[in-house]
Structures are given as C-alpha cells and as structure tokens.
C-alpha cells in the first residue's frame, strides 16, 4: 500500500548506483573470500520483518530501507517483501551531513546543523510544500535546507554560501546522500552581482540567520532582493528588536528590525505573514511569508 493509501503498481525497482558500483567492483572485491562470506552472512541473517515493508522514494526512484544494498538487490524477487512509496525521502540527512561538517567546519557549524534540524525544519516542513518547487537558500552553510528540501520533493535546490569550506561540505553531503538536484554557489548575497537578475526565478527563497549580519544601509536592499527572487514563499529567520517603533535598530554589530518595520517593508514587497515561530526562547523568529494574490 502507498503511504497515502493507494496501491503501488509497476514500481521500477532499479538501483542504478548499486548496479554501477557492483559492476565496477565485482572482480575486485565481490569474488574475494571475505566478501563472499560476508554477503552470504547478510543473506542468511536478513530479517524480512525488520525491514518490511521496504520504502520506495519516487523523488529519487530508489528503495530506501536502511539495509545493505547487496542484500536488497538479492531479495528484490522475494514475494514476502512489501513496498511502500511516497513523494518524499525517508532517509534522515543529518548523520551524513554532520560527519562531513566535522571534517570541514567548526563546532558552531555542528550546532547550527542541529538547530536547523531540531528547531527550524519541523515547522517549515509542516507549513511549506516543496514538491516540484525551485528553492534558493541564502546563507546555506552546510547545505541542510537544500538537501532537506530536495528530499521533500523540490525540483531544484540552490544554496548560496560565503564560506568555501561549507560549499565543499555541502557538495560532499549531497553526493553522499545521492542527491543530484542541488547546486551550491560560493558567493556573498550582499555582493552577488547577479542577484538583481534572479527576480522571480525561484518558487521559494529562504534565509536563515543571516539578515541581522547586514549593515543598516544594506539590510533593506538585501531583504528587497530576496523578496524579489521569490515567486511564492519567503522564509526568513532573524533576530528582532523588541520595540513598538517602526524602525531598524543597531545592536552592537547587528542590525535588528522591529516587527512593525519588518511587516511594513515586506508588505511593500508583496508579502504577507503566513506563520511565525519563536526560535531559541524567542531570541529569534522564524517567519513564513506568502506573496499576495
């Protein structure tokens, strides 16, 4: 049965990645005694009930069951194996991304990854439909939101990130998870020469935790260009200044808008507030906005 209740018929149970890897290593590894014994052990101890039903992701056209690829391939013809399917991935991306970030990033990058996964992604996933959508994530860090959006059905997910090491980490993480519809660009949105040419190019634009790092003169132009790039949905997570005044405040080295100032300007850009969520004890706010009309 399908995850959504419909029966799956004629599911193409192919695994191109496994097939190519198996073909390339069959003479080098598979025929060696250790691997023969290991494969036989896997087949003997494979617990059908543990992995039943297998999960088929239509987004990437592959089985995702957590079992060894070889074992899955050998048991595809087993009539006791049942299959579920849906238009999103079941694999959790955080372990793979974290392993790579530990090599390329800092402790803060791991904390950011965990905050994205635990605090920011759940309300976004619940309130934003990524299926068939084109995402731009500005300040993409280790690529979590691009990867998560791609696994949730986005047609394409682009990430813009100023740190070259994080671009490398993002690309490696996407490759490790076999996600091919992401693109990571090493650039600063504030100084990105093509940003004005991106107006209306993306269905969804997100910017997590970067707006307050823009200077007072750069804040509004940066926000305006982000809004212009989004056809449907704008997702921003930022610090706000707790004031009833309609203005942008300077707090140390950060630029913090009051809620009134932010709502007023976003409305002038054609966006209305759809949902807001407090992050980290209300120190930050996550806003999901929809274009009017």
Protein backbone atom coordinates (compact mmCIF):
# COMPACT_ATOMS: atom_id res chain seq x y z
CA UNK A 1 0.00 0.00 0.00
CA UNK A 2 1.09 3.53 -0.67
CA UNK A 3 1.95 5.81 2.28
CA UNK A 4 -1.03 7.89 1.23
CA UNK A 5 -3.34 4.90 0.92
CA UNK A 6 -3.02 3.98 -2.76
CA UNK A 7 -1.66 0.72 -4.06
CA UNK A 8 1.72 0.84 -5.78
CA UNK A 9 1.80 -0.81 -9.19
CA UNK A 10 4.64 -1.28 -11.65
CA UNK A 11 7.23 0.27 -9.36
CA UNK A 12 10.60 0.17 -11.18
CA UNK A 13 12.78 -1.46 -8.53
CA UNK A 14 16.05 -0.35 -10.05
CA UNK A 15 19.06 0.95 -8.22
CA UNK A 16 21.46 2.47 -10.78
CA UNK A 17 24.00 3.46 -8.16
CA UNK A 18 24.18 -0.05 -6.75
CA UNK A 19 24.29 -1.61 -10.21
CA UNK A 20 27.20 0.59 -11.31
CA UNK A 21 29.13 0.03 -8.10
CA UNK A 22 28.55 -3.70 -8.18
CA UNK A 23 29.69 -3.92 -11.79
CA UNK A 24 32.85 -1.94 -11.10
CA UNK A 25 33.90 -3.91 -8.01
CA UNK A 26 32.64 -7.42 -8.74
CA UNK A 27 36.06 -8.64 -9.89
CA UNK A 28 37.97 -6.61 -7.34
CA UNK A 29 36.00 -7.30 -4.17
CA UNK A 30 32.93 -9.49 -4.50
CA UNK A 31 34.84 -12.59 -5.56
CA UNK A 32 37.29 -12.40 -2.67
CA UNK A 33 36.70 -14.95 0.14
CA UNK A 34 35.95 -12.37 2.85
CA UNK A 35 33.26 -10.64 0.83
CA UNK A 36 31.72 -13.92 -0.29
CA UNK A 37 31.38 -14.96 3.34
CA UNK A 38 30.09 -11.55 4.34
CA UNK A 39 27.46 -11.50 1.61
CA UNK A 40 26.29 -15.00 2.49
CA UNK A 41 26.07 -13.95 6.14
CA UNK A 42 23.98 -10.92 5.22
CA UNK A 43 21.61 -13.00 3.15
CA UNK A 44 21.23 -15.63 5.86
CA UNK A 45 20.66 -13.15 8.70
CA UNK A 46 18.49 -10.73 6.74
CA UNK A 47 15.37 -10.18 8.83
CA UNK A 48 12.47 -9.64 6.45
CA UNK A 49 10.17 -8.48 9.22
CA UNK A 50 12.70 -5.94 10.43
CA UNK A 51 12.85 -4.22 7.05
CA UNK A 52 9.30 -4.93 5.92
CA UNK A 53 7.91 -3.03 4.22
CA UNK A 54 10.65 -1.63 2.04
CA UNK A 55 10.26 2.05 1.25
CA UNK A 56 10.34 3.34 -2.30
CA UNK A 57 11.06 7.05 -2.84
CA UNK A 58 9.53 8.31 -6.06
CA UNK A 59 11.61 11.50 -5.89
CA UNK A 60 14.85 9.64 -6.48
CA UNK A 61 13.46 6.40 -7.88
CA UNK A 62 15.11 4.14 -5.35
CA UNK A 63 14.49 1.87 -2.39
CA UNK A 64 15.37 3.36 0.98
CA UNK A 65 15.22 0.71 3.65
CA UNK A 66 18.43 1.02 5.61
CA UNK A 67 19.56 -2.43 4.52
CA UNK A 68 22.79 -3.29 2.76
CA UNK A 69 22.46 -2.54 -0.97
CA UNK A 70 23.61 -6.00 -1.96
CA UNK A 71 21.07 -7.64 0.33
CA UNK A 72 18.23 -5.54 -1.06
CA UNK A 73 19.26 -6.38 -4.61
CA UNK A 74 19.38 -10.10 -3.89
CA UNK A 75 15.96 -10.09 -2.22
CA UNK A 76 14.03 -7.96 -4.69
CA UNK A 77 12.35 -11.05 -6.07
CA UNK A 78 11.20 -12.28 -2.66
CA UNK A 79 7.36 -12.31 -2.70
CA UNK A 80 7.23 -11.70 1.06
CA UNK A 81 8.78 -8.26 0.62
CA UNK A 82 6.19 -5.49 0.67
CA UNK A 83 6.74 -1.99 -0.65
CA UNK A 84 5.59 1.42 0.47
CA UNK A 85 6.08 4.55 -1.55
CA UNK A 86 5.69 8.30 -1.30
CA UNK A 87 6.86 11.52 -2.90
CA UNK A 88 9.50 12.27 -0.29
CA UNK A 89 12.58 10.58 1.14
CA UNK A 90 12.68 8.63 4.36
CA UNK A 91 16.43 8.75 4.91
CA UNK A 92 17.50 11.27 7.57
CA UNK A 93 20.22 13.54 6.18
CA UNK A 94 21.71 14.86 9.43
CA UNK A 95 24.14 11.99 10.22
CA UNK A 96 25.72 12.16 6.77
CA UNK A 97 25.96 15.96 6.82
CA UNK A 98 27.32 16.03 10.36
CA UNK A 99 30.08 13.56 9.52
CA UNK A 100 31.25 15.80 6.68
CA UNK A 101 30.84 19.06 8.61
CA UNK A 102 33.07 17.67 11.37
CA UNK A 103 35.87 17.47 8.80
CA UNK A 104 35.33 20.86 7.16
CA UNK A 105 33.64 23.09 9.70
CA UNK A 106 33.70 24.38 13.24
CA UNK A 107 31.78 23.48 16.38
CA UNK A 108 29.37 26.33 15.61
CA UNK A 109 28.57 24.69 12.27
CA UNK A 110 27.52 21.48 14.01
CA UNK A 111 25.36 23.46 16.45
CA UNK A 112 23.79 25.29 13.51
CA UNK A 113 23.07 21.96 11.77
CA UNK A 114 21.39 20.56 14.88
CA UNK A 115 19.36 23.75 15.37
CA UNK A 116 18.19 23.63 11.76
CA UNK A 117 17.14 20.01 12.06
CA UNK A 118 15.56 20.19 15.51
CA UNK A 119 14.09 23.71 15.67
CA UNK A 120 13.67 25.21 12.20
CA UNK A 121 12.98 22.39 9.77
CA UNK A 122 9.94 20.84 11.57
CA UNK A 123 7.69 23.96 11.28
CA UNK A 124 8.96 24.66 7.76
CA UNK A 125 8.27 21.12 6.56
CA UNK A 126 4.80 21.22 8.13
CA UNK A 127 3.81 24.53 6.52
CA UNK A 128 5.66 24.62 3.18
CA UNK A 129 5.06 22.22 0.29
CA UNK A 130 8.36 21.73 -1.53
CA UNK A 131 7.10 19.24 -4.11
CA UNK A 132 8.05 20.39 -7.58
CA UNK A 133 9.36 23.74 -6.29
CA UNK A 134 12.61 25.59 -7.00
CA UNK A 135 14.36 26.70 -3.78
CA UNK A 136 17.10 29.25 -3.19
CA UNK A 137 18.66 29.13 0.29
CA UNK A 138 20.77 32.21 1.01
CA UNK A 139 23.47 31.57 3.57
CA UNK A 140 23.15 27.82 3.06
CA UNK A 141 26.00 26.84 5.41
CA UNK A 142 26.43 23.04 5.22
CA UNK A 143 23.52 22.65 2.79
CA UNK A 144 20.97 21.20 5.20
CA UNK A 145 17.94 23.12 3.92
CA UNK A 146 18.77 22.46 0.27
CA UNK A 147 19.24 18.76 0.94
CA UNK A 148 16.13 18.53 3.14
CA UNK A 149 14.05 20.39 0.53
CA UNK A 150 15.31 18.12 -2.25
CA UNK A 151 14.41 15.09 -0.16
CA UNK A 152 10.96 16.64 0.43
CA UNK A 153 10.34 16.79 -3.31
CA UNK A 154 11.84 20.09 -4.51
CA UNK A 155 12.66 20.01 -8.22
CA UNK A 156 15.84 22.03 -7.66
CA UNK A 157 17.55 23.49 -4.58
CA UNK A 158 20.30 26.08 -4.84
CA UNK A 159 22.43 27.23 -1.93
CA UNK A 160 24.43 30.44 -1.74
CA UNK A 161 27.19 30.44 0.88
CA UNK A 162 30.13 32.78 1.52
CA UNK A 163 32.44 30.15 3.10
CA UNK A 164 34.22 27.95 0.59
CA UNK A 165 34.71 25.11 3.10
CA UNK A 166 30.96 24.94 3.67
CA UNK A 167 30.38 24.80 -0.07
CA UNK A 168 32.73 21.81 -0.24
CA UNK A 169 30.93 20.20 2.71
CA UNK A 170 27.53 20.81 1.09
CA UNK A 171 28.55 19.25 -2.20
CA UNK A 172 30.05 16.23 -0.47
CA UNK A 173 26.98 15.76 1.72
CA UNK A 174 24.63 15.90 -1.28
CA UNK A 175 26.83 13.40 -3.13
CA UNK A 176 26.92 11.06 -0.12
CA UNK A 177 23.12 11.13 0.01
CA UNK A 178 22.90 10.64 -3.79
CA UNK A 179 21.00 13.90 -4.28
CA UNK A 180 21.63 15.34 -7.73
CA UNK A 181 19.23 18.29 -7.94
CA UNK A 182 21.20 20.65 -5.70
CA UNK A 183 23.65 23.39 -6.67
CA UNK A 184 25.92 25.19 -4.21
CA UNK A 185 27.45 28.56 -5.13
CA UNK A 186 30.31 30.23 -3.27
CA UNK A 187 29.11 33.86 -3.08
CA UNK A 188 28.01 36.66 -0.77
CA UNK A 189 24.40 37.72 -1.38
CA UNK A 190 25.22 41.29 -0.44
CA UNK A 191 27.90 41.45 -3.14
CA UNK A 192 26.43 38.94 -5.60
CA UNK A 193 26.48 40.73 -8.98
CA UNK A 194 23.68 38.60 -10.47
CA UNK A 195 21.21 38.95 -7.63
CA UNK A 196 19.05 41.52 -9.43
CA UNK A 197 18.78 39.12 -12.38
CA UNK A 198 17.24 36.45 -10.12
CA UNK A 199 13.91 38.27 -9.69
CA UNK A 200 11.07 35.78 -9.94
CA UNK A 201 13.37 32.84 -10.65
CA UNK A 202 12.59 30.78 -7.54
CA UNK A 203 9.35 29.48 -6.04
CA UNK A 204 10.78 29.60 -2.52
CA UNK A 205 13.57 31.71 -1.05
CA UNK A 206 14.94 31.11 2.44
CA UNK A 207 17.48 33.00 4.54
CA UNK A 208 18.31 31.54 7.92
CA UNK A 209 20.12 33.63 10.50
CA UNK A 210 21.94 36.00 8.13
CA UNK A 211 19.81 39.13 7.86
CA UNK A 212 20.98 40.62 11.16
CA UNK A 213 24.57 40.49 9.89
CA UNK A 214 23.85 43.01 7.14
CA UNK A 215 24.70 46.62 7.95
CA UNK A 216 21.94 49.19 8.42
CA UNK A 217 22.39 50.59 4.86
CA UNK A 218 22.49 47.09 3.32
CA UNK A 219 19.62 45.48 5.25
CA UNK A 220 16.65 46.79 3.27
CA UNK A 221 18.20 46.30 -0.21
CA UNK A 222 19.19 42.74 0.75
CA UNK A 223 15.69 41.96 2.05
CA UNK A 224 14.10 43.53 -1.05
CA UNK A 225 16.21 41.46 -3.45
CA UNK A 226 15.41 38.27 -1.51
CA UNK A 227 11.70 39.01 -1.76
CA UNK A 228 12.02 39.85 -5.45
CA UNK A 229 13.63 36.46 -6.16
CA UNK A 230 10.69 34.57 -4.60
CA UNK A 231 7.60 33.90 -6.69
CA UNK A 232 5.54 32.30 -3.92
CA UNK A 233 7.13 31.87 -0.50
CA UNK A 234 9.75 33.69 1.56
CA UNK A 235 11.21 32.06 4.67
CA UNK A 236 13.37 34.16 6.97
CA UNK A 237 14.84 33.52 10.40
CA UNK A 238 16.34 36.51 12.17
CA UNK A 239 16.71 38.49 15.38
CA UNK A 240 14.16 41.23 16.03
CA UNK A 241 14.32 44.30 18.24
CA UNK A 242 11.53 44.30 20.87
CA UNK A 243 10.08 47.72 20.17
CA UNK A 244 6.76 49.20 19.04
CA UNK A 245 8.62 51.74 16.93
CA UNK A 246 8.72 51.24 13.18
CA UNK A 247 12.46 51.32 12.56
CA UNK A 248 15.71 49.40 12.14
CA UNK A 249 17.96 49.34 15.20
CA UNK A 250 21.71 48.95 15.59
CA UNK A 251 22.61 46.47 18.35
CA UNK A 252 26.36 46.03 18.71
CA UNK A 253 27.43 44.88 15.24
CA UNK A 254 23.99 43.57 14.25
CA UNK A 255 21.03 45.21 12.52
CA UNK A 256 17.71 44.37 14.17
CA UNK A 257 14.33 45.43 12.77
CA UNK A 258 11.28 45.98 14.90
CA UNK A 259 8.34 43.71 13.94
CA UNK A 260 6.38 46.73 12.66
CA UNK A 261 9.24 47.83 10.41
CA UNK A 262 9.68 44.33 9.01
CA UNK A 263 5.98 43.78 8.32
CA UNK A 264 5.62 47.19 6.68
CA UNK A 265 8.51 46.63 4.29
CA UNK A 266 7.65 43.04 3.47
CA UNK A 267 4.12 44.18 2.63
CA UNK A 268 5.56 46.78 0.27
CA UNK A 269 7.46 43.93 -1.43
CA UNK A 270 4.22 41.99 -1.88
CA UNK A 271 4.47 39.53 1.03
CA UNK A 272 2.16 38.93 3.97
CA UNK A 273 2.97 36.96 7.12
CA UNK A 274 1.63 33.40 6.96
CA UNK A 275 3.13 31.87 10.11
CA UNK A 276 5.68 32.90 12.75
CA UNK A 277 7.57 30.69 15.19
CA UNK A 278 9.82 31.57 18.14
CA UNK A 279 13.29 30.04 17.99
CA UNK A 280 15.61 29.59 20.98
CA UNK A 281 13.28 31.03 23.59
CA UNK A 282 12.06 33.84 21.34
CA UNK A 283 15.60 35.21 20.84
CA UNK A 284 14.99 34.66 17.14
CA UNK A 285 11.91 34.46 14.98
CA UNK A 286 11.17 32.19 12.04
CA UNK A 287 8.72 33.78 9.59
CA UNK A 288 6.99 32.09 6.67
CA UNK A 289 5.57 34.63 4.24
CA UNK A 290 3.37 34.23 1.18
CA UNK A 291 3.16 36.52 -1.82
CA UNK A 292 -0.14 38.38 -2.01
CA UNK A 293 -2.57 37.30 -4.66
